[in-house]
Amino acid sequence: AAAFSSALLIPLRFAFEEGRLIVAYNDSPSDSTIRPGMSIVSINGVTADELVRQLLRTIPGDGFIETGKRFNVARQFAVLYWRFVGPAESYSVVARDPGGRQVSATLRGITDVSRRQTTNPVNATLAANIARLDGPPGNVALEFLNGGPVARLRVRAFDGQSFTSTLDSAS
């Protein structure tokens, strides 16, 4: 735990899309070369496919089902890389944009705490779209669509001490 608190992790977060490792967020405080939506070609000279193969072996599975393992590799990539590939102070990343153009950047590692405090402008469009899809805040939200008689009730979780009273007040 002590080593992890000061570990310099890759400042990118990932998802899988059509079998490719895709950048979901760039948490680097100073680099905007690698953008959300780009597919990873290699990190520190190792291909994305090889890294994924290595990291998949570290995740427990449910029989032969790979989808959960792949989700966990993408979600925990920075920590898994640090633990099983090795620590690094910087990461040489080669990525490909959706048009096929290849770009390279050397990203300085960041701690997990600083990841949560960084706001990189390259994530702005993605963050705005997620906020729009996420809908109104709060556990229970009622909104009338287009000012008409049709409403949408969103319940994020069916629990909490105030759940019943909040649900009653929404009607």
N, C-alpha and C. Protein backbone atom coordinates (compact mmCIF):
# COMPACT_ATOMS: atom_id res chain seq x y z
N ALA A 1 0.84 -1.20 0.00
CA ALA A 1 0.00 0.00 0.00
C ALA A 1 0.88 1.25 0.00
N ALA A 2 1.97 1.22 0.77
CA ALA A 2 2.86 2.38 0.81
C ALA A 2 3.51 2.61 -0.55
N ALA A 3 3.95 1.53 -1.19
CA ALA A 3 4.58 1.66 -2.51
C ALA A 3 3.58 2.19 -3.54
N PHE A 4 2.34 1.72 -3.46
CA PHE A 4 1.32 2.15 -4.41
C PHE A 4 1.00 3.63 -4.26
N SER A 5 1.00 4.14 -3.04
CA SER A 5 0.63 5.54 -2.83
C SER A 5 1.58 6.50 -3.54
N SER A 6 2.82 6.09 -3.76
CA SER A 6 3.76 6.96 -4.46
C SER A 6 4.10 6.46 -5.87
N ALA A 7 3.44 5.40 -6.31
CA ALA A 7 3.72 4.82 -7.63
C ALA A 7 3.31 5.78 -8.74
N LEU A 8 4.14 5.86 -9.77
CA LEU A 8 3.83 6.67 -10.94
C LEU A 8 3.17 5.77 -11.98
N LEU A 9 1.88 5.94 -12.16
CA LEU A 9 1.07 5.11 -13.04
C LEU A 9 0.93 5.78 -14.40
N ILE A 10 0.59 4.98 -15.40
CA ILE A 10 0.33 5.55 -16.72
C ILE A 10 -0.88 6.49 -16.60
N PRO A 11 -0.78 7.70 -17.14
CA PRO A 11 -1.86 8.68 -16.95
C PRO A 11 -3.00 8.55 -17.97
N LEU A 12 -3.31 7.34 -18.34
CA LEU A 12 -4.40 7.08 -19.28
C LEU A 12 -5.36 6.08 -18.66
N ARG A 13 -6.64 6.21 -19.01
CA ARG A 13 -7.63 5.19 -18.63
C ARG A 13 -8.19 4.63 -19.94
N PHE A 14 -8.55 3.34 -19.90
CA PHE A 14 -8.87 2.62 -21.13
C PHE A 14 -10.22 1.94 -21.11
N ALA A 15 -10.64 1.54 -22.30
CA ALA A 15 -11.81 0.69 -22.51
C ALA A 15 -11.47 -0.21 -23.70
N PHE A 16 -12.23 -1.29 -23.86
CA PHE A 16 -12.08 -2.12 -25.05
C PHE A 16 -13.19 -1.79 -26.02
N GLU A 17 -12.84 -1.70 -27.28
CA GLU A 17 -13.82 -1.46 -28.33
C GLU A 17 -13.42 -2.30 -29.52
N GLU A 18 -14.28 -3.21 -29.90
CA GLU A 18 -14.02 -4.11 -31.02
C GLU A 18 -12.66 -4.79 -30.89
N GLY A 19 -12.33 -5.21 -29.66
CA GLY A 19 -11.10 -5.94 -29.41
C GLY A 19 -9.85 -5.08 -29.29
N ARG A 20 -9.99 -3.78 -29.42
CA ARG A 20 -8.84 -2.88 -29.33
C ARG A 20 -8.86 -2.13 -28.00
N LEU A 21 -7.66 -1.84 -27.48
CA LEU A 21 -7.51 -1.05 -26.27
C LEU A 21 -7.62 0.42 -26.67
N ILE A 22 -8.67 1.07 -26.19
CA ILE A 22 -8.98 2.45 -26.59
C ILE A 22 -8.79 3.39 -25.41
N VAL A 23 -8.26 4.57 -25.65
CA VAL A 23 -8.11 5.58 -24.61
C VAL A 23 -9.49 6.14 -24.27
N ALA A 24 -9.85 6.04 -22.99
CA ALA A 24 -11.10 6.63 -22.52
C ALA A 24 -10.84 8.04 -21.98
N TYR A 25 -9.76 8.20 -21.22
CA TYR A 25 -9.39 9.50 -20.64
C TYR A 25 -7.88 9.66 -20.68
N ASN A 26 -7.44 10.89 -20.88
CA ASN A 26 -6.04 11.24 -20.73
C ASN A 26 -5.94 12.09 -19.47
N ASP A 27 -5.37 11.54 -18.42
CA ASP A 27 -5.24 12.24 -17.14
C ASP A 27 -3.90 12.94 -16.99
N SER A 28 -3.14 13.05 -18.06
CA SER A 28 -1.86 13.75 -18.01
C SER A 28 -2.11 15.24 -17.80
N PRO A 29 -1.43 15.85 -16.85
CA PRO A 29 -1.65 17.29 -16.64
C PRO A 29 -1.03 18.18 -17.72
N SER A 30 -0.15 17.61 -18.57
CA SER A 30 0.56 18.47 -19.51
C SER A 30 0.57 17.99 -20.96
N ASP A 31 -0.05 16.87 -21.27
CA ASP A 31 0.04 16.35 -22.64
C ASP A 31 -1.36 16.17 -23.22
N SER A 32 -1.55 16.66 -24.42
CA SER A 32 -2.84 16.49 -25.09
C SER A 32 -2.69 15.74 -26.42
N THR A 33 -1.55 15.09 -26.63
CA THR A 33 -1.32 14.34 -27.87
C THR A 33 -2.22 13.12 -27.94
N ILE A 34 -2.28 12.36 -26.86
CA ILE A 34 -3.10 11.15 -26.82
C ILE A 34 -4.50 11.56 -26.37
N ARG A 35 -5.48 11.27 -27.22
CA ARG A 35 -6.85 11.75 -26.98
C ARG A 35 -7.83 10.58 -26.80
N PRO A 36 -8.92 10.84 -26.08
CA PRO A 36 -9.96 9.81 -25.99
C PRO A 36 -10.40 9.38 -27.38
N GLY A 37 -10.59 8.08 -27.53
CA GLY A 37 -11.00 7.52 -28.82
C GLY A 37 -9.86 6.92 -29.62
N MET A 38 -8.62 7.25 -29.26
CA MET A 38 -7.47 6.67 -29.98
C MET A 38 -7.24 5.24 -29.50
N SER A 39 -6.77 4.40 -30.41
CA SER A 39 -6.43 3.02 -30.04
C SER A 39 -4.94 2.96 -29.74
N ILE A 40 -4.59 2.16 -28.76
CA ILE A 40 -3.20 2.04 -28.35
C ILE A 40 -2.49 1.03 -29.25
N VAL A 41 -1.35 1.43 -29.77
CA VAL A 41 -0.51 0.55 -30.59
C VAL A 41 0.52 -0.13 -29.68
N SER A 42 1.21 0.69 -28.85
CA SER A 42 2.21 0.13 -27.94
C SER A 42 2.44 1.06 -26.76
N ILE A 43 2.96 0.48 -25.69
CA ILE A 43 3.37 1.23 -24.51
C ILE A 43 4.76 0.72 -24.14
N ASN A 44 5.69 1.65 -24.04
CA ASN A 44 7.09 1.32 -23.73
C ASN A 44 7.63 0.19 -24.61
N GLY A 45 7.27 0.24 -25.89
CA GLY A 45 7.79 -0.71 -26.86
C GLY A 45 7.10 -2.06 -26.92
N VAL A 46 6.11 -2.28 -26.08
CA VAL A 46 5.37 -3.55 -26.08
C VAL A 46 4.00 -3.30 -26.70
N THR A 47 3.61 -4.15 -27.65
CA THR A 47 2.33 -3.94 -28.33
C THR A 47 1.18 -4.05 -27.35
N ALA A 48 0.10 -3.36 -27.67
CA ALA A 48 -1.09 -3.40 -26.83
C ALA A 48 -1.62 -4.83 -26.72
N ASP A 49 -1.59 -5.58 -27.82
CA ASP A 49 -2.08 -6.97 -27.78
C ASP A 49 -1.27 -7.81 -26.80
N GLU A 50 0.05 -7.64 -26.80
CA GLU A 50 0.89 -8.41 -25.89
C GLU A 50 0.65 -7.98 -24.43
N LEU A 51 0.51 -6.70 -24.20
CA LEU A 51 0.23 -6.23 -22.83
C LEU A 51 -1.10 -6.79 -22.33
N VAL A 52 -2.11 -6.76 -23.18
CA VAL A 52 -3.41 -7.29 -22.79
C VAL A 52 -3.30 -8.78 -22.49
N ARG A 53 -2.58 -9.53 -23.32
CA ARG A 53 -2.38 -10.97 -23.07
C ARG A 53 -1.72 -11.20 -21.70
N GLN A 54 -0.68 -10.42 -21.41
CA GLN A 54 0.02 -10.55 -20.13
C GLN A 54 -0.91 -10.24 -18.96
N LEU A 55 -1.66 -9.17 -19.07
CA LEU A 55 -2.50 -8.73 -17.96
C LEU A 55 -3.74 -9.61 -17.79
N LEU A 56 -4.25 -10.17 -18.89
CA LEU A 56 -5.40 -11.08 -18.77
C LEU A 56 -5.06 -12.28 -17.90
N ARG A 57 -3.81 -12.71 -17.94
CA ARG A 57 -3.40 -13.86 -17.13
C ARG A 57 -3.43 -13.56 -15.64
N THR A 58 -3.45 -12.28 -15.26
CA THR A 58 -3.44 -11.91 -13.85
C THR A 58 -4.84 -11.80 -13.25
N ILE A 59 -5.86 -11.82 -14.08
CA ILE A 59 -7.24 -11.63 -13.64
C ILE A 59 -7.93 -12.99 -13.52
N PRO A 60 -8.52 -13.28 -12.36
CA PRO A 60 -9.26 -14.54 -12.24
C PRO A 60 -10.48 -14.51 -13.16
N GLY A 61 -10.82 -15.65 -13.68
CA GLY A 61 -11.92 -15.72 -14.63
C GLY A 61 -13.07 -16.58 -14.17
N ASP A 62 -14.10 -16.59 -14.97
CA ASP A 62 -15.28 -17.41 -14.74
C ASP A 62 -15.33 -18.41 -15.88
N GLY A 63 -14.62 -19.50 -15.71
CA GLY A 63 -14.55 -20.49 -16.78
C GLY A 63 -13.80 -19.93 -17.96
N PHE A 64 -14.42 -20.02 -19.14
CA PHE A 64 -13.79 -19.54 -20.36
C PHE A 64 -14.32 -18.18 -20.80
N ILE A 65 -15.08 -17.52 -19.92
CA ILE A 65 -15.66 -16.23 -20.26
C ILE A 65 -14.59 -15.15 -20.14
N GLU A 66 -14.35 -14.43 -21.23
CA GLU A 66 -13.28 -13.42 -21.26
C GLU A 66 -13.80 -11.99 -21.10
N THR A 67 -15.10 -11.75 -21.28
CA THR A 67 -15.58 -10.38 -21.28
C THR A 67 -15.35 -9.68 -19.94
N GLY A 68 -15.62 -10.35 -18.84
CA GLY A 68 -15.39 -9.75 -17.52
C GLY A 68 -13.92 -9.49 -17.28
N LYS A 69 -13.08 -10.41 -17.71
CA LYS A 69 -11.64 -10.24 -17.54
C LYS A 69 -11.15 -9.05 -18.36
N ARG A 70 -11.63 -8.92 -19.58
CA ARG A 70 -11.21 -7.81 -20.44
C ARG A 70 -11.68 -6.48 -19.85
N PHE A 71 -12.90 -6.46 -19.32
CA PHE A 71 -13.41 -5.24 -18.68
C PHE A 71 -12.50 -4.85 -17.51
N ASN A 72 -12.12 -5.82 -16.69
CA ASN A 72 -11.26 -5.54 -15.54
C ASN A 72 -9.86 -5.11 -15.96
N VAL A 73 -9.32 -5.70 -17.01
CA VAL A 73 -8.01 -5.26 -17.49
C VAL A 73 -8.07 -3.80 -17.93
N ALA A 74 -9.09 -3.44 -18.69
CA ALA A 74 -9.22 -2.05 -19.13
C ALA A 74 -9.41 -1.12 -17.94
N ARG A 75 -10.29 -1.49 -17.05
CA ARG A 75 -10.60 -0.63 -15.90
C ARG A 75 -9.42 -0.47 -14.95
N GLN A 76 -8.64 -1.51 -14.76
CA GLN A 76 -7.54 -1.49 -13.80
C GLN A 76 -6.17 -1.45 -14.48
N PHE A 77 -6.13 -1.05 -15.73
CA PHE A 77 -4.91 -1.17 -16.52
C PHE A 77 -3.69 -0.53 -15.84
N ALA A 78 -3.83 0.68 -15.35
CA ALA A 78 -2.68 1.39 -14.77
C ALA A 78 -2.08 0.63 -13.60
N VAL A 79 -2.93 0.14 -12.72
CA VAL A 79 -2.45 -0.59 -11.54
C VAL A 79 -1.88 -1.95 -11.95
N LEU A 80 -2.56 -2.65 -12.86
CA LEU A 80 -2.07 -3.95 -13.31
C LEU A 80 -0.72 -3.80 -14.01
N TYR A 81 -0.57 -2.78 -14.83
CA TYR A 81 0.70 -2.54 -15.51
C TYR A 81 1.80 -2.33 -14.47
N TRP A 82 1.53 -1.48 -13.48
CA TRP A 82 2.52 -1.20 -12.45
C TRP A 82 2.90 -2.46 -11.67
N ARG A 83 1.92 -3.28 -11.35
CA ARG A 83 2.18 -4.48 -10.55
C ARG A 83 2.84 -5.60 -11.34
N PHE A 84 2.40 -5.83 -12.57
CA PHE A 84 2.81 -7.04 -13.28
C PHE A 84 3.78 -6.80 -14.43
N VAL A 85 3.79 -5.62 -15.01
CA VAL A 85 4.76 -5.32 -16.06
C VAL A 85 5.96 -4.63 -15.43
N GLY A 86 5.69 -3.69 -14.54
CA GLY A 86 6.75 -3.03 -13.82
C GLY A 86 6.53 -1.54 -13.71
N PRO A 87 7.09 -0.94 -12.67
CA PRO A 87 6.94 0.50 -12.50
C PRO A 87 7.77 1.26 -13.52
N ALA A 88 7.32 2.46 -13.83
CA ALA A 88 8.04 3.33 -14.75
C ALA A 88 7.77 4.78 -14.36
N GLU A 89 8.73 5.64 -14.62
CA GLU A 89 8.53 7.07 -14.35
C GLU A 89 7.82 7.75 -15.51
N SER A 90 8.03 7.22 -16.72
CA SER A 90 7.36 7.77 -17.89
C SER A 90 6.97 6.62 -18.82
N TYR A 91 6.05 6.93 -19.72
CA TYR A 91 5.48 5.91 -20.60
C TYR A 91 5.51 6.43 -22.03
N SER A 92 6.21 5.69 -22.89
CA SER A 92 6.24 6.02 -24.32
C SER A 92 5.04 5.34 -24.96
N VAL A 93 4.10 6.14 -25.40
CA VAL A 93 2.84 5.62 -25.92
C VAL A 93 2.75 5.92 -27.41
N VAL A 94 2.42 4.89 -28.17
CA VAL A 94 2.11 5.06 -29.59
C VAL A 94 0.64 4.73 -29.73
N ALA A 95 -0.10 5.65 -30.35
CA ALA A 95 -1.55 5.47 -30.51
C ALA A 95 -1.95 5.80 -31.94
N ARG A 96 -3.13 5.36 -32.30
CA ARG A 96 -3.66 5.61 -33.65
C ARG A 96 -5.01 6.30 -33.50
N ASP A 97 -5.18 7.42 -34.21
CA ASP A 97 -6.46 8.11 -34.13
C ASP A 97 -7.49 7.39 -35.02
N PRO A 98 -8.77 7.74 -34.90
CA PRO A 98 -9.80 7.04 -35.69
C PRO A 98 -9.57 7.11 -37.20
N GLY A 99 -8.83 8.11 -37.68
CA GLY A 99 -8.52 8.21 -39.10
C GLY A 99 -7.33 7.38 -39.54
N GLY A 100 -6.66 6.72 -38.58
CA GLY A 100 -5.52 5.87 -38.91
C GLY A 100 -4.16 6.52 -38.74
N ARG A 101 -4.12 7.81 -38.39
CA ARG A 101 -2.85 8.52 -38.20
C ARG A 101 -2.22 8.07 -36.88
N GLN A 102 -0.96 7.74 -36.91
CA GLN A 102 -0.25 7.27 -35.73
C GLN A 102 0.46 8.45 -35.06
N VAL A 103 0.35 8.53 -33.72
CA VAL A 103 1.03 9.58 -32.96
C VAL A 103 1.80 8.93 -31.82
N SER A 104 2.82 9.64 -31.35
CA SER A 104 3.64 9.16 -30.23
C SER A 104 3.76 10.25 -29.20
N ALA A 105 3.83 9.84 -27.94
CA ALA A 105 4.03 10.79 -26.85
C ALA A 105 4.71 10.07 -25.70
N THR A 106 5.52 10.80 -24.96
CA THR A 106 6.09 10.27 -23.73
C THR A 106 5.38 10.98 -22.60
N LEU A 107 4.66 10.21 -21.81
CA LEU A 107 3.83 10.74 -20.73
C LEU A 107 4.48 10.45 -19.39
N ARG A 108 4.62 11.46 -18.58
CA ARG A 108 5.14 11.29 -17.23
C ARG A 108 4.08 10.59 -16.40
N GLY A 109 4.50 9.62 -15.59
CA GLY A 109 3.57 8.90 -14.73
C GLY A 109 2.98 9.82 -13.67
N ILE A 110 1.80 9.45 -13.18
CA ILE A 110 1.13 10.22 -12.14
C ILE A 110 0.69 9.27 -11.03
N THR A 111 0.55 9.81 -9.83
CA THR A 111 0.04 8.99 -8.73
C THR A 111 -1.47 8.86 -8.86
N ASP A 112 -2.02 7.88 -8.18
CA ASP A 112 -3.46 7.66 -8.22
C ASP A 112 -4.20 8.87 -7.65
N VAL A 113 -3.67 9.47 -6.61
CA VAL A 113 -4.30 10.65 -6.01
C VAL A 113 -4.30 11.82 -7.00
N SER A 114 -3.18 12.07 -7.66
CA SER A 114 -3.13 13.19 -8.61
C SER A 114 -4.01 12.93 -9.83
N ARG A 115 -4.25 11.66 -10.18
CA ARG A 115 -5.15 11.34 -11.29
C ARG A 115 -6.54 11.92 -11.05
N ARG A 116 -7.00 11.82 -9.82
CA ARG A 116 -8.34 12.32 -9.48
C ARG A 116 -8.40 13.84 -9.42
N GLN A 117 -7.26 14.50 -9.39
CA GLN A 117 -7.22 15.96 -9.29
C GLN A 117 -6.89 16.64 -10.60
N THR A 118 -6.62 15.86 -11.64
CA THR A 118 -6.19 16.41 -12.93
C THR A 118 -7.39 16.60 -13.85
N THR A 119 -7.39 17.73 -14.53
CA THR A 119 -8.41 17.99 -15.55
C THR A 119 -7.68 18.34 -16.84
N ASN A 120 -7.69 17.42 -17.79
CA ASN A 120 -7.04 17.65 -19.07
C ASN A 120 -8.12 18.10 -20.06
N PRO A 121 -7.92 19.20 -20.77
CA PRO A 121 -8.93 19.71 -21.71
C PRO A 121 -9.32 18.71 -22.81
N VAL A 122 -8.46 17.73 -23.13
CA VAL A 122 -8.82 16.78 -24.19
C VAL A 122 -10.00 15.90 -23.78
N ASN A 123 -10.32 15.88 -22.48
CA ASN A 123 -11.44 15.06 -22.00
C ASN A 123 -12.75 15.84 -21.96
N ALA A 124 -12.75 17.12 -22.29
CA ALA A 124 -13.92 17.98 -22.12
C ALA A 124 -15.14 17.50 -22.90
N THR A 125 -14.97 17.14 -24.16
CA THR A 125 -16.12 16.69 -24.96
C THR A 125 -16.70 15.42 -24.39
N LEU A 126 -15.84 14.47 -24.05
CA LEU A 126 -16.31 13.22 -23.46
C LEU A 126 -17.03 13.48 -22.14
N ALA A 127 -16.45 14.31 -21.28
CA ALA A 127 -17.06 14.61 -19.98
C ALA A 127 -18.43 15.27 -20.16
N ALA A 128 -18.55 16.19 -21.13
CA ALA A 128 -19.84 16.85 -21.38
C ALA A 128 -20.88 15.84 -21.87
N ASN A 129 -20.48 14.94 -22.75
CA ASN A 129 -21.41 13.92 -23.25
C ASN A 129 -21.85 12.96 -22.15
N ILE A 130 -20.92 12.58 -21.29
CA ILE A 130 -21.26 11.69 -20.18
C ILE A 130 -22.22 12.38 -19.23
N ALA A 131 -21.97 13.65 -18.92
CA ALA A 131 -22.86 14.40 -18.04
C ALA A 131 -24.26 14.50 -18.64
N ARG A 132 -24.33 14.72 -19.94
CA ARG A 132 -25.62 14.81 -20.61
C ARG A 132 -26.37 13.47 -20.55
N LEU A 133 -25.64 12.37 -20.76
CA LEU A 133 -26.26 11.04 -20.68
C LEU A 133 -26.62 10.66 -19.25
N ASP A 134 -25.81 11.13 -18.31
CA ASP A 134 -26.01 10.77 -16.91
C ASP A 134 -27.31 11.33 -16.35
N GLY A 135 -27.78 12.43 -16.89
CA GLY A 135 -29.04 12.99 -16.44
C GLY A 135 -28.91 13.78 -15.16
N PRO A 136 -30.05 14.11 -14.59
CA PRO A 136 -30.04 14.94 -13.39
C PRO A 136 -29.40 14.23 -12.20
N PRO A 137 -28.80 15.03 -11.30
CA PRO A 137 -28.18 14.42 -10.12
C PRO A 137 -29.24 13.95 -9.14
N GLY A 138 -28.80 13.23 -8.15
CA GLY A 138 -29.72 12.75 -7.13
C GLY A 138 -30.11 11.31 -7.37
N ASN A 139 -30.57 10.68 -6.32
CA ASN A 139 -30.94 9.28 -6.42
C ASN A 139 -32.23 9.09 -7.21
N VAL A 140 -33.19 9.99 -7.03
CA VAL A 140 -34.47 9.91 -7.73
C VAL A 140 -34.68 11.23 -8.46
N ALA A 141 -35.01 11.16 -9.75
CA ALA A 141 -35.25 12.37 -10.53
C ALA A 141 -36.44 12.13 -11.45
N LEU A 142 -37.32 13.09 -11.49
CA LEU A 142 -38.48 13.04 -12.37
C LEU A 142 -38.39 14.23 -13.31
N GLU A 143 -38.50 13.96 -14.62
CA GLU A 143 -38.49 15.05 -15.58
C GLU A 143 -39.54 14.80 -16.65
N PHE A 144 -40.24 15.88 -17.03
CA PHE A 144 -41.24 15.78 -18.08
C PHE A 144 -40.57 16.07 -19.41
N LEU A 145 -40.77 15.18 -20.37
CA LEU A 145 -40.10 15.27 -21.66
C LEU A 145 -40.79 16.31 -22.54
N ASN A 146 -40.02 17.23 -23.05
CA ASN A 146 -40.49 18.29 -23.94
C ASN A 146 -41.66 19.07 -23.35
N GLY A 147 -41.73 19.14 -22.03
CA GLY A 147 -42.80 19.90 -21.37
C GLY A 147 -44.17 19.26 -21.52
N GLY A 148 -44.22 18.04 -22.01
CA GLY A 148 -45.50 17.38 -22.26
C GLY A 148 -45.94 16.47 -21.12
N PRO A 149 -46.92 15.61 -21.42
CA PRO A 149 -47.49 14.76 -20.38
C PRO A 149 -46.66 13.49 -20.08
N VAL A 150 -45.63 13.25 -20.88
CA VAL A 150 -44.82 12.05 -20.68
C VAL A 150 -43.63 12.40 -19.79
N ALA A 151 -43.40 11.56 -18.79
CA ALA A 151 -42.32 11.82 -17.85
C ALA A 151 -41.38 10.63 -17.80
N ARG A 152 -40.14 10.93 -17.37
CA ARG A 152 -39.16 9.88 -17.15
C ARG A 152 -38.75 9.94 -15.69
N LEU A 153 -38.86 8.79 -15.03
CA LEU A 153 -38.44 8.67 -13.64
C LEU A 153 -37.14 7.89 -13.62
N ARG A 154 -36.11 8.50 -13.06
CA ARG A 154 -34.81 7.83 -12.98
C ARG A 154 -34.51 7.53 -11.52
N VAL A 155 -34.26 6.25 -11.26
CA VAL A 155 -33.89 5.81 -9.92
C VAL A 155 -32.50 5.19 -10.03
N ARG A 156 -31.53 5.80 -9.38
CA ARG A 156 -30.15 5.31 -9.45
C ARG A 156 -29.93 4.11 -8.53
N ALA A 157 -30.57 4.12 -7.36
CA ALA A 157 -30.41 3.01 -6.42
C ALA A 157 -31.69 2.90 -5.58
N PHE A 158 -32.10 1.69 -5.32
CA PHE A 158 -33.31 1.44 -4.55
C PHE A 158 -32.94 1.23 -3.08
N ASP A 159 -32.24 2.21 -2.51
CA ASP A 159 -31.86 2.09 -1.10
C ASP A 159 -31.61 3.46 -0.51
N GLY A 160 -31.24 3.47 0.73
CA GLY A 160 -30.99 4.71 1.45
C GLY A 160 -32.14 5.04 2.37
N GLN A 161 -31.84 5.75 3.42
CA GLN A 161 -32.87 6.06 4.41
C GLN A 161 -33.96 6.94 3.85
N SER A 162 -33.63 7.82 2.93
CA SER A 162 -34.63 8.74 2.39
C SER A 162 -35.23 8.26 1.07
N PHE A 163 -34.94 7.04 0.65
CA PHE A 163 -35.40 6.58 -0.66
C PHE A 163 -36.92 6.67 -0.80
N THR A 164 -37.65 6.12 0.15
CA THR A 164 -39.12 6.09 0.05
C THR A 164 -39.70 7.49 0.03
N SER A 165 -39.25 8.37 0.91
CA SER A 165 -39.80 9.73 0.94
C SER A 165 -39.42 10.49 -0.33
N THR A 166 -38.22 10.28 -0.84
CA THR A 166 -37.80 10.96 -2.07
C THR A 166 -38.63 10.47 -3.26
N LEU A 167 -38.89 9.17 -3.30
CA LEU A 167 -39.71 8.61 -4.37
C LEU A 167 -41.13 9.16 -4.29
N ASP A 168 -41.70 9.22 -3.08
CA ASP A 168 -43.05 9.77 -2.91
C ASP A 168 -43.13 11.22 -3.34
N SER A 169 -42.09 12.00 -3.06
CA SER A 169 -42.13 13.44 -3.41
C SER A 169 -41.94 13.67 -4.90
N ALA A 170 -41.48 12.67 -5.63
CA ALA A 170 -41.26 12.84 -7.08
C ALA A 170 -42.57 12.80 -7.85
N SER A 171 -43.61 12.25 -7.27
CA SER A 171 -44.87 12.11 -8.03
C SER A 171 -45.75 13.31 -8.00
